[in-house]
All heavy atoms as atom14 arrays in JSON, in Angstrom:
{
  "sequence": "AGGIFSGTIGLTVYLGSHEEHADWYVDSSVKDEEVDALKKRVGDLET",
  "atom14_mask": [
    [1, 1, 1, 1, 1, 0, 0, 0, 0, 0, 0, 0, 0, 0],
    [1, 1, 1, 1, 0, 0, 0, 0, 0, 0, 0, 0, 0, 0],
    [1, 1, 1, 1, 0, 0, 0, 0, 0, 0, 0, 0, 0, 0],
    [1, 1, 1, 1, 1, 1, 1, 1, 0, 0, 0, 0, 0, 0],
    [1, 1, 1, 1, 1, 1, 1, 1, 1, 1, 1, 0, 0, 0],
    [1, 1, 1, 1, 1, 1, 0, 0, 0, 0, 0, 0, 0, 0],
    [1, 1, 1, 1, 0, 0, 0, 0, 0, 0, 0, 0, 0, 0],
    [1, 1, 1, 1, 1, 1, 1, 0, 0, 0, 0, 0, 0, 0],
    [1, 1, 1, 1, 1, 1, 1, 1, 0, 0, 0, 0, 0, 0],
    [1, 1, 1, 1, 0, 0, 0, 0, 0, 0, 0, 0, 0, 0],
    [1, 1, 1, 1, 1, 1, 1, 1, 0, 0, 0, 0, 0, 0],
    [1, 1, 1, 1, 1, 1, 1, 0, 0, 0, 0, 0, 0, 0],
    [1, 1, 1, 1, 1, 1, 1, 0, 0, 0, 0, 0, 0, 0],
    [1, 1, 1, 1, 1, 1, 1, 1, 1, 1, 1, 1, 0, 0],
    [1, 1, 1, 1, 1, 1, 1, 1, 0, 0, 0, 0, 0, 0],
    [1, 1, 1, 1, 0, 0, 0, 0, 0, 0, 0, 0, 0, 0],
    [1, 1, 1, 1, 1, 1, 0, 0, 0, 0, 0, 0, 0, 0],
    [1, 1, 1, 1, 1, 1, 1, 1, 1, 1, 0, 0, 0, 0],
    [1, 1, 1, 1, 1, 1, 1, 1, 1, 0, 0, 0, 0, 0],
    [1, 1, 1, 1, 1, 1, 1, 1, 1, 0, 0, 0, 0, 0],
    [1, 1, 1, 1, 1, 1, 1, 1, 1, 1, 0, 0, 0, 0],
    [1, 1, 1, 1, 1, 0, 0, 0, 0, 0, 0, 0, 0, 0],
    [1, 1, 1, 1, 1, 1, 1, 1, 0, 0, 0, 0, 0, 0],
    [1, 1, 1, 1, 1, 1, 1, 1, 1, 1, 1, 1, 1, 1],
    [1, 1, 1, 1, 1, 1, 1, 1, 1, 1, 1, 1, 0, 0],
    [1, 1, 1, 1, 1, 1, 1, 0, 0, 0, 0, 0, 0, 0],
    [1, 1, 1, 1, 1, 1, 1, 1, 0, 0, 0, 0, 0, 0],
    [1, 1, 1, 1, 1, 1, 0, 0, 0, 0, 0, 0, 0, 0],
    [1, 1, 1, 1, 1, 1, 0, 0, 0, 0, 0, 0, 0, 0],
    [1, 1, 1, 1, 1, 1, 1, 0, 0, 0, 0, 0, 0, 0],
    [1, 1, 1, 1, 1, 1, 1, 1, 1, 0, 0, 0, 0, 0],
    [1, 1, 1, 1, 1, 1, 1, 1, 0, 0, 0, 0, 0, 0],
    [1, 1, 1, 1, 1, 1, 1, 1, 1, 0, 0, 0, 0, 0],
    [1, 1, 1, 1, 1, 1, 1, 1, 1, 0, 0, 0, 0, 0],
    [1, 1, 1, 1, 1, 1, 1, 0, 0, 0, 0, 0, 0, 0],
    [1, 1, 1, 1, 1, 1, 1, 1, 0, 0, 0, 0, 0, 0],
    [1, 1, 1, 1, 1, 0, 0, 0, 0, 0, 0, 0, 0, 0],
    [1, 1, 1, 1, 1, 1, 1, 1, 0, 0, 0, 0, 0, 0],
    [1, 1, 1, 1, 1, 1, 1, 1, 1, 0, 0, 0, 0, 0],
    [1, 1, 1, 1, 1, 1, 1, 1, 1, 0, 0, 0, 0, 0],
    [1, 1, 1, 1, 1, 1, 1, 1, 1, 1, 1, 0, 0, 0],
    [1, 1, 1, 1, 1, 1, 1, 0, 0, 0, 0, 0, 0, 0],
    [1, 1, 1, 1, 0, 0, 0, 0, 0, 0, 0, 0, 0, 0],
    [1, 1, 1, 1, 1, 1, 1, 1, 0, 0, 0, 0, 0, 0],
    [1, 1, 1, 1, 1, 1, 1, 1, 0, 0, 0, 0, 0, 0],
    [1, 1, 1, 1, 1, 1, 1, 1, 1, 0, 0, 0, 0, 0],
    [1, 1, 1, 1, 1, 1, 1, 0, 0, 0, 0, 0, 0, 0]
  ],
  "atom14_positions": [
    [[127.17, 73.1, 69.4], [127.61, 71.68, 69.64], [127.65, 71.28, 71.05], [126.74, 70.66, 71.52], [128.93, 71.48, 68.94], [0.0, 0.0, 0.0], [0.0, 0.0, 0.0], [0.0, 0.0, 0.0], [0.0, 0.0, 0.0], [0.0, 0.0, 0.0], [0.0, 0.0, 0.0], [0.0, 0.0, 0.0], [0.0, 0.0, 0.0], [0.0, 0.0, 0.0]],
    [[128.71, 71.73, 71.72], [128.94, 71.28, 73.1], [128.09, 71.92, 74.09], [127.68, 73.09, 73.98], [0.0, 0.0, 0.0], [0.0, 0.0, 0.0], [0.0, 0.0, 0.0], [0.0, 0.0, 0.0], [0.0, 0.0, 0.0], [0.0, 0.0, 0.0], [0.0, 0.0, 0.0], [0.0, 0.0, 0.0], [0.0, 0.0, 0.0], [0.0, 0.0, 0.0]],
    [[127.76, 71.12, 75.12], [127.02, 71.64, 76.23], [127.63, 71.24, 77.67], [127.99, 70.01, 77.75], [0.0, 0.0, 0.0], [0.0, 0.0, 0.0], [0.0, 0.0, 0.0], [0.0, 0.0, 0.0], [0.0, 0.0, 0.0], [0.0, 0.0, 0.0], [0.0, 0.0, 0.0], [0.0, 0.0, 0.0], [0.0, 0.0, 0.0], [0.0, 0.0, 0.0]],
    [[127.67, 72.12, 78.58], [128.24, 71.75, 79.93], [127.4, 72.45, 80.94], [126.92, 73.56, 80.82], [129.65, 72.34, 80.14], [130.58, 71.73, 79.07], [130.21, 72.02, 81.53], [132.02, 72.23, 79.12], [0.0, 0.0, 0.0], [0.0, 0.0, 0.0], [0.0, 0.0, 0.0], [0.0, 0.0, 0.0], [0.0, 0.0, 0.0], [0.0, 0.0, 0.0]],
    [[127.01, 71.58, 82.01], [126.27, 72.15, 83.1], [127.26, 72.13, 84.36], [128.13, 71.19, 84.39], [125.02, 71.27, 83.42], [124.07, 71.21, 82.36], [123.92, 69.99, 81.58], [123.23, 72.21, 82.17], [123.04, 69.97, 80.59], [122.29, 72.17, 81.17], [122.18, 71.01, 80.42], [0.0, 0.0, 0.0], [0.0, 0.0, 0.0], [0.0, 0.0, 0.0]],
    [[127.2, 73.18, 85.12], [128.07, 73.24, 86.24], [127.32, 73.69, 87.45], [126.39, 74.54, 87.46], [129.26, 74.2, 86.06], [128.85, 75.52, 86.03], [0.0, 0.0, 0.0], [0.0, 0.0, 0.0], [0.0, 0.0, 0.0], [0.0, 0.0, 0.0], [0.0, 0.0, 0.0], [0.0, 0.0, 0.0], [0.0, 0.0, 0.0], [0.0, 0.0, 0.0]],
    [[127.86, 73.19, 88.63], [127.28, 73.53, 89.94], [128.44, 74.01, 90.82], [129.32, 73.13, 90.98], [0.0, 0.0, 0.0], [0.0, 0.0, 0.0], [0.0, 0.0, 0.0], [0.0, 0.0, 0.0], [0.0, 0.0, 0.0], [0.0, 0.0, 0.0], [0.0, 0.0, 0.0], [0.0, 0.0, 0.0], [0.0, 0.0, 0.0], [0.0, 0.0, 0.0]],
    [[128.37, 75.15, 91.44], [129.52, 75.59, 92.27], [128.91, 76.2, 93.56], [127.88, 76.67, 93.68], [130.28, 76.67, 91.5], [129.54, 77.79, 91.16], [130.88, 76.1, 90.26], [0.0, 0.0, 0.0], [0.0, 0.0, 0.0], [0.0, 0.0, 0.0], [0.0, 0.0, 0.0], [0.0, 0.0, 0.0], [0.0, 0.0, 0.0], [0.0, 0.0, 0.0]],
    [[129.85, 76.23, 94.56], [129.65, 77.08, 95.74], [130.86, 78.04, 95.74], [131.93, 77.72, 95.25], [129.5, 76.28, 96.96], [130.77, 75.44, 97.24], [128.22, 75.48, 96.94], [130.7, 74.72, 98.57], [0.0, 0.0, 0.0], [0.0, 0.0, 0.0], [0.0, 0.0, 0.0], [0.0, 0.0, 0.0], [0.0, 0.0, 0.0], [0.0, 0.0, 0.0]],
    [[130.64, 79.21, 96.36], [131.81, 80.16, 96.44], [131.55, 81.24, 97.38], [130.59, 81.3, 98.1], [0.0, 0.0, 0.0], [0.0, 0.0, 0.0], [0.0, 0.0, 0.0], [0.0, 0.0, 0.0], [0.0, 0.0, 0.0], [0.0, 0.0, 0.0], [0.0, 0.0, 0.0], [0.0, 0.0, 0.0], [0.0, 0.0, 0.0], [0.0, 0.0, 0.0]],
    [[132.46, 82.23, 97.25], [132.38, 83.39, 98.1], [132.38, 84.65, 97.17], [133.13, 84.64, 96.15], [133.56, 83.49, 99.02], [133.55, 82.55, 100.22], [134.83, 82.65, 101.04], [132.26, 82.71, 101.1], [0.0, 0.0, 0.0], [0.0, 0.0, 0.0], [0.0, 0.0, 0.0], [0.0, 0.0, 0.0], [0.0, 0.0, 0.0], [0.0, 0.0, 0.0]],
    [[131.65, 85.75, 97.67], [131.69, 87.0, 96.98], [132.24, 87.96, 98.08], [131.63, 88.06, 99.1], [130.32, 87.4, 96.5], [129.94, 86.53, 95.34], [130.32, 88.76, 95.81], [0.0, 0.0, 0.0], [0.0, 0.0, 0.0], [0.0, 0.0, 0.0], [0.0, 0.0, 0.0], [0.0, 0.0, 0.0], [0.0, 0.0, 0.0], [0.0, 0.0, 0.0]],
    [[133.21, 88.74, 97.66], [133.72, 89.75, 98.51], [133.41, 91.12, 97.93], [133.72, 91.43, 96.8], [135.25, 89.54, 98.75], [135.84, 90.69, 99.68], [135.61, 88.19, 99.37], [0.0, 0.0, 0.0], [0.0, 0.0, 0.0], [0.0, 0.0, 0.0], [0.0, 0.0, 0.0], [0.0, 0.0, 0.0], [0.0, 0.0, 0.0], [0.0, 0.0, 0.0]],
    [[132.75, 92.06, 98.72], [132.4, 93.35, 98.29], [133.5, 94.2, 98.57], [134.2, 94.35, 99.6], [131.08, 93.83, 98.96], [130.01, 92.94, 98.62], [129.07, 92.52, 99.74], [129.68, 92.6, 97.34], [128.02, 91.78, 99.48], [128.57, 91.82, 97.06], [127.79, 91.38, 98.1], [126.62, 90.59, 97.79], [0.0, 0.0, 0.0], [0.0, 0.0, 0.0]],
    [[133.67, 95.21, 97.52], [134.86, 96.28, 97.63], [134.17, 97.56, 97.84], [133.12, 97.87, 97.18], [135.76, 96.24, 96.44], [136.29, 94.79, 96.06], [137.09, 94.97, 94.78], [137.18, 94.31, 97.25], [0.0, 0.0, 0.0], [0.0, 0.0, 0.0], [0.0, 0.0, 0.0], [0.0, 0.0, 0.0], [0.0, 0.0, 0.0], [0.0, 0.0, 0.0]],
    [[134.88, 98.51, 98.41], [134.31, 99.94, 98.61], [134.32, 100.46, 99.91], [134.47, 99.58, 100.97], [0.0, 0.0, 0.0], [0.0, 0.0, 0.0], [0.0, 0.0, 0.0], [0.0, 0.0, 0.0], [0.0, 0.0, 0.0], [0.0, 0.0, 0.0], [0.0, 0.0, 0.0], [0.0, 0.0, 0.0], [0.0, 0.0, 0.0], [0.0, 0.0, 0.0]],
    [[134.08, 101.63, 100.08], [134.06, 102.35, 101.49], [132.6, 102.51, 102.12], [132.58, 102.91, 103.22], [134.7, 103.71, 101.34], [133.99, 104.46, 100.39], [0.0, 0.0, 0.0], [0.0, 0.0, 0.0], [0.0, 0.0, 0.0], [0.0, 0.0, 0.0], [0.0, 0.0, 0.0], [0.0, 0.0, 0.0], [0.0, 0.0, 0.0], [0.0, 0.0, 0.0]],
    [[131.64, 102.2, 101.32], [130.27, 102.34, 101.88], [129.87, 101.08, 102.76], [130.39, 100.15, 102.71], [129.25, 102.62, 100.78], [129.4, 103.81, 100.02], [129.27, 105.14, 100.58], [129.91, 104.03, 98.7], [129.56, 106.0, 99.71], [129.93, 105.35, 98.54], [0.0, 0.0, 0.0], [0.0, 0.0, 0.0], [0.0, 0.0, 0.0], [0.0, 0.0, 0.0]],
    [[128.87, 101.34, 103.46], [128.3, 100.3, 104.42], [127.66, 99.19, 103.69], [127.86, 97.99, 104.03], [127.33, 100.83, 105.32], [127.84, 101.68, 106.52], [128.5, 100.8, 107.55], [128.0, 99.76, 107.91], [129.7, 101.1, 107.89], [0.0, 0.0, 0.0], [0.0, 0.0, 0.0], [0.0, 0.0, 0.0], [0.0, 0.0, 0.0], [0.0, 0.0, 0.0]],
    [[127.04, 99.39, 102.55], [126.24, 98.41, 101.89], [126.67, 98.28, 100.42], [127.04, 99.22, 99.77], [124.76, 98.76, 101.95], [123.72, 97.6, 101.86], [123.71, 96.7, 103.04], [123.11, 96.97, 104.08], [124.51, 95.7, 103.02], [0.0, 0.0, 0.0], [0.0, 0.0, 0.0], [0.0, 0.0, 0.0], [0.0, 0.0, 0.0], [0.0, 0.0, 0.0]],
    [[126.51, 97.04, 99.9], [126.7, 96.86, 98.53], [125.46, 96.9, 97.68], [124.38, 96.76, 98.33], [127.43, 95.46, 98.31], [127.73, 95.3, 96.87], [127.0, 94.65, 95.94], [128.92, 95.52, 96.21], [127.49, 94.56, 94.82], [128.68, 95.13, 94.89], [0.0, 0.0, 0.0], [0.0, 0.0, 0.0], [0.0, 0.0, 0.0], [0.0, 0.0, 0.0]],
    [[125.46, 97.26, 96.42], [124.22, 97.33, 95.61], [123.33, 96.13, 95.73], [122.18, 96.22, 95.6], [124.64, 97.55, 94.06], [0.0, 0.0, 0.0], [0.0, 0.0, 0.0], [0.0, 0.0, 0.0], [0.0, 0.0, 0.0], [0.0, 0.0, 0.0], [0.0, 0.0, 0.0], [0.0, 0.0, 0.0], [0.0, 0.0, 0.0], [0.0, 0.0, 0.0]],
    [[124.01, 94.93, 95.89], [123.15, 93.7, 95.98], [122.15, 93.76, 97.16], [121.01, 93.16, 96.95], [124.02, 92.52, 96.33], [124.87, 92.03, 95.1], [124.68, 92.73, 93.97], [125.76, 91.15, 95.13], [0.0, 0.0, 0.0], [0.0, 0.0, 0.0], [0.0, 0.0, 0.0], [0.0, 0.0, 0.0], [0.0, 0.0, 0.0], [0.0, 0.0, 0.0]],
    [[122.41, 94.55, 98.13], [121.57, 94.54, 99.26], [120.98, 95.97, 99.58], [120.22, 96.19, 100.52], [122.25, 94.03, 100.52], [123.0, 92.86, 100.29], [124.26, 92.54, 99.86], [122.36, 91.48, 100.24], [124.53, 91.24, 99.72], [123.33, 90.58, 99.95], [121.06, 91.05, 100.64], [123.11, 89.15, 99.85], [120.79, 89.62, 100.51], [121.78, 88.66, 100.14]],
    [[121.39, 96.81, 98.78], [120.91, 98.26, 99.04], [119.43, 98.54, 98.65], [119.0, 98.14, 97.59], [121.73, 99.22, 98.24], [121.37, 100.71, 98.4], [121.87, 101.43, 99.44], [120.55, 101.3, 97.42], [121.49, 102.73, 99.68], [120.28, 102.7, 97.58], [120.81, 103.32, 98.74], [120.45, 104.66, 98.89], [0.0, 0.0, 0.0], [0.0, 0.0, 0.0]],
    [[118.71, 99.07, 99.59], [117.29, 99.46, 99.33], [117.23, 100.94, 99.44], [117.65, 101.59, 100.48], [116.44, 98.77, 100.52], [114.93, 99.14, 100.24], [116.58, 97.27, 100.45], [0.0, 0.0, 0.0], [0.0, 0.0, 0.0], [0.0, 0.0, 0.0], [0.0, 0.0, 0.0], [0.0, 0.0, 0.0], [0.0, 0.0, 0.0], [0.0, 0.0, 0.0]],
    [[116.68, 101.53, 98.4], [116.51, 103.04, 98.27], [115.56, 103.48, 99.27], [114.42, 103.4, 99.12], [116.15, 103.39, 96.93], [116.41, 104.86, 96.67], [116.53, 105.65, 97.68], [116.43, 105.34, 95.52], [0.0, 0.0, 0.0], [0.0, 0.0, 0.0], [0.0, 0.0, 0.0], [0.0, 0.0, 0.0], [0.0, 0.0, 0.0], [0.0, 0.0, 0.0]],
    [[116.03, 104.07, 100.38], [115.17, 104.58, 101.46], [114.27, 105.67, 101.01], [113.25, 105.89, 101.65], [115.95, 104.86, 102.77], [116.84, 105.93, 102.42], [0.0, 0.0, 0.0], [0.0, 0.0, 0.0], [0.0, 0.0, 0.0], [0.0, 0.0, 0.0], [0.0, 0.0, 0.0], [0.0, 0.0, 0.0], [0.0, 0.0, 0.0], [0.0, 0.0, 0.0]],
    [[114.78, 106.55, 100.11], [114.04, 107.67, 99.6], [112.74, 107.26, 99.1], [111.71, 107.99, 99.26], [114.8, 108.55, 98.73], [114.98, 107.76, 97.45], [0.0, 0.0, 0.0], [0.0, 0.0, 0.0], [0.0, 0.0, 0.0], [0.0, 0.0, 0.0], [0.0, 0.0, 0.0], [0.0, 0.0, 0.0], [0.0, 0.0, 0.0], [0.0, 0.0, 0.0]],
    [[112.67, 106.14, 98.33], [111.46, 105.65, 97.79], [110.46, 105.27, 98.78], [109.32, 105.61, 98.8], [111.73, 104.48, 96.8], [110.45, 103.89, 96.23], [112.63, 104.9, 95.58], [0.0, 0.0, 0.0], [0.0, 0.0, 0.0], [0.0, 0.0, 0.0], [0.0, 0.0, 0.0], [0.0, 0.0, 0.0], [0.0, 0.0, 0.0], [0.0, 0.0, 0.0]],
    [[110.94, 104.48, 99.9], [110.14, 104.14, 101.0], [109.66, 105.37, 101.78], [108.54, 105.47, 102.19], [111.0, 103.28, 101.98], [111.42, 101.94, 101.39], [110.34, 101.04, 101.01], [110.79, 99.74, 100.46], [109.74, 98.83, 99.93], [0.0, 0.0, 0.0], [0.0, 0.0, 0.0], [0.0, 0.0, 0.0], [0.0, 0.0, 0.0], [0.0, 0.0, 0.0]],
    [[110.48, 106.3, 101.96], [110.1, 107.58, 102.5], [108.95, 108.35, 101.75], [108.0, 108.79, 102.3], [111.31, 108.6, 102.7], [112.33, 108.09, 103.73], [111.87, 107.16, 104.5], [113.42, 108.52, 103.7], [0.0, 0.0, 0.0], [0.0, 0.0, 0.0], [0.0, 0.0, 0.0], [0.0, 0.0, 0.0], [0.0, 0.0, 0.0], [0.0, 0.0, 0.0]],
    [[109.08, 108.31, 100.47], [108.12, 108.9, 99.66], [106.67, 108.13, 99.77], [105.67, 108.85, 99.84], [108.51, 108.93, 98.13], [109.59, 109.92, 97.84], [110.08, 109.79, 96.35], [109.4, 108.98, 95.69], [110.98, 110.4, 96.04], [0.0, 0.0, 0.0], [0.0, 0.0, 0.0], [0.0, 0.0, 0.0], [0.0, 0.0, 0.0], [0.0, 0.0, 0.0]],
    [[106.78, 106.88, 99.88], [105.61, 106.05, 100.0], [104.98, 106.36, 101.45], [103.7, 106.52, 101.53], [105.93, 104.5, 99.94], [106.31, 104.14, 98.49], [106.74, 102.72, 98.38], [106.82, 102.03, 99.48], [107.02, 102.23, 97.4], [0.0, 0.0, 0.0], [0.0, 0.0, 0.0], [0.0, 0.0, 0.0], [0.0, 0.0, 0.0], [0.0, 0.0, 0.0]],
    [[105.79, 106.46, 102.42], [105.28, 106.74, 103.79], [104.66, 108.12, 103.78], [103.61, 108.33, 104.32], [106.45, 106.55, 104.79], [105.94, 107.13, 106.2], [106.86, 105.08, 105.02], [0.0, 0.0, 0.0], [0.0, 0.0, 0.0], [0.0, 0.0, 0.0], [0.0, 0.0, 0.0], [0.0, 0.0, 0.0], [0.0, 0.0, 0.0], [0.0, 0.0, 0.0]],
    [[105.32, 109.17, 103.2], [104.89, 110.48, 103.16], [103.52, 110.57, 102.43], [102.62, 111.28, 102.81], [105.86, 111.4, 102.47], [107.12, 111.6, 103.3], [107.1, 111.36, 104.5], [108.15, 112.09, 102.73], [0.0, 0.0, 0.0], [0.0, 0.0, 0.0], [0.0, 0.0, 0.0], [0.0, 0.0, 0.0], [0.0, 0.0, 0.0], [0.0, 0.0, 0.0]],
    [[103.38, 109.75, 101.25], [102.11, 109.83, 100.58], [101.03, 109.24, 101.4], [99.95, 109.76, 101.41], [102.37, 109.0, 99.33], [0.0, 0.0, 0.0], [0.0, 0.0, 0.0], [0.0, 0.0, 0.0], [0.0, 0.0, 0.0], [0.0, 0.0, 0.0], [0.0, 0.0, 0.0], [0.0, 0.0, 0.0], [0.0, 0.0, 0.0], [0.0, 0.0, 0.0]],
    [[101.36, 108.2, 102.18], [100.36, 107.62, 103.01], [99.97, 108.52, 104.15], [98.78, 108.69, 104.49], [100.85, 106.23, 103.62], [100.91, 105.05, 102.68], [101.6, 103.96, 103.32], [99.5, 104.69, 102.21], [0.0, 0.0, 0.0], [0.0, 0.0, 0.0], [0.0, 0.0, 0.0], [0.0, 0.0, 0.0], [0.0, 0.0, 0.0], [0.0, 0.0, 0.0]],
    [[100.89, 109.27, 104.73], [100.69, 110.22, 105.82], [99.75, 111.42, 105.24], [98.81, 111.73, 105.86], [101.93, 110.86, 106.29], [102.71, 109.84, 107.19], [103.96, 110.57, 107.79], [104.81, 109.51, 108.72], [106.01, 110.25, 109.15], [0.0, 0.0, 0.0], [0.0, 0.0, 0.0], [0.0, 0.0, 0.0], [0.0, 0.0, 0.0], [0.0, 0.0, 0.0]],
    [[100.07, 111.78, 104.02], [99.23, 112.89, 103.43], [97.72, 112.37, 103.27], [96.9, 113.11, 103.51], [99.86, 113.16, 102.05], [99.09, 114.38, 101.41], [99.79, 114.88, 100.09], [99.08, 116.09, 99.54], [97.68, 115.87, 99.34], [0.0, 0.0, 0.0], [0.0, 0.0, 0.0], [0.0, 0.0, 0.0], [0.0, 0.0, 0.0], [0.0, 0.0, 0.0]],
    [[97.64, 111.15, 102.78], [96.26, 110.63, 102.57], [95.55, 110.59, 103.9], [94.4, 110.9, 104.0], [96.31, 109.25, 101.9], [96.81, 109.28, 100.39], [96.9, 107.87, 99.84], [95.63, 107.23, 99.77], [95.46, 105.99, 99.35], [96.47, 105.29, 98.88], [94.25, 105.57, 99.33], [0.0, 0.0, 0.0], [0.0, 0.0, 0.0], [0.0, 0.0, 0.0]],
    [[96.25, 110.13, 104.97], [95.6, 110.08, 106.24], [95.3, 111.53, 106.75], [94.23, 111.74, 107.27], [96.62, 109.36, 107.21], [95.96, 109.48, 108.68], [96.66, 107.9, 106.89], [0.0, 0.0, 0.0], [0.0, 0.0, 0.0], [0.0, 0.0, 0.0], [0.0, 0.0, 0.0], [0.0, 0.0, 0.0], [0.0, 0.0, 0.0], [0.0, 0.0, 0.0]],
    [[96.28, 112.39, 106.53], [96.04, 113.77, 106.92], [94.89, 114.36, 106.19], [94.05, 115.15, 106.73], [0.0, 0.0, 0.0], [0.0, 0.0, 0.0], [0.0, 0.0, 0.0], [0.0, 0.0, 0.0], [0.0, 0.0, 0.0], [0.0, 0.0, 0.0], [0.0, 0.0, 0.0], [0.0, 0.0, 0.0], [0.0, 0.0, 0.0], [0.0, 0.0, 0.0]],
    [[94.71, 114.12, 104.88], [93.58, 114.67, 104.12], [92.25, 114.16, 104.63], [91.28, 114.78, 104.74], [93.77, 114.31, 102.61], [94.91, 115.02, 101.98], [95.41, 116.0, 102.58], [95.38, 114.65, 100.85], [0.0, 0.0, 0.0], [0.0, 0.0, 0.0], [0.0, 0.0, 0.0], [0.0, 0.0, 0.0], [0.0, 0.0, 0.0], [0.0, 0.0, 0.0]],
    [[92.25, 112.72, 104.98], [91.05, 112.15, 105.45], [90.69, 112.8, 106.85], [89.49, 113.09, 107.09], [91.31, 110.69, 105.7], [91.29, 109.85, 104.41], [91.72, 108.37, 104.6], [89.93, 109.84, 103.68], [0.0, 0.0, 0.0], [0.0, 0.0, 0.0], [0.0, 0.0, 0.0], [0.0, 0.0, 0.0], [0.0, 0.0, 0.0], [0.0, 0.0, 0.0]],
    [[91.7, 113.09, 107.69], [91.44, 113.72, 108.99], [90.86, 115.09, 108.75], [89.89, 115.53, 109.45], [92.75, 113.79, 109.76], [93.14, 112.34, 110.27], [94.45, 112.45, 111.08], [95.08, 113.46, 110.98], [94.77, 111.49, 111.89], [0.0, 0.0, 0.0], [0.0, 0.0, 0.0], [0.0, 0.0, 0.0], [0.0, 0.0, 0.0], [0.0, 0.0, 0.0]],
    [[91.43, 115.76, 107.77], [90.98, 117.11, 107.51], [89.5, 117.14, 107.02], [88.69, 117.92, 107.44], [91.84, 117.82, 106.49], [93.13, 117.89, 107.0], [91.36, 119.17, 106.14], [0.0, 0.0, 0.0], [0.0, 0.0, 0.0], [0.0, 0.0, 0.0], [0.0, 0.0, 0.0], [0.0, 0.0, 0.0], [0.0, 0.0, 0.0], [0.0, 0.0, 0.0]]
  ]
}
């Protein structure tokens, strides 16, 4: 039956002892794996 639309502005405060929250965390190990894979491909080409 009923329908409501809302628009808000607000603040989000992150809790915890780590430097970064999950919202902004980028898994560096995945990036490292991609870089390592590229380095290996370049190394194989050089070889």
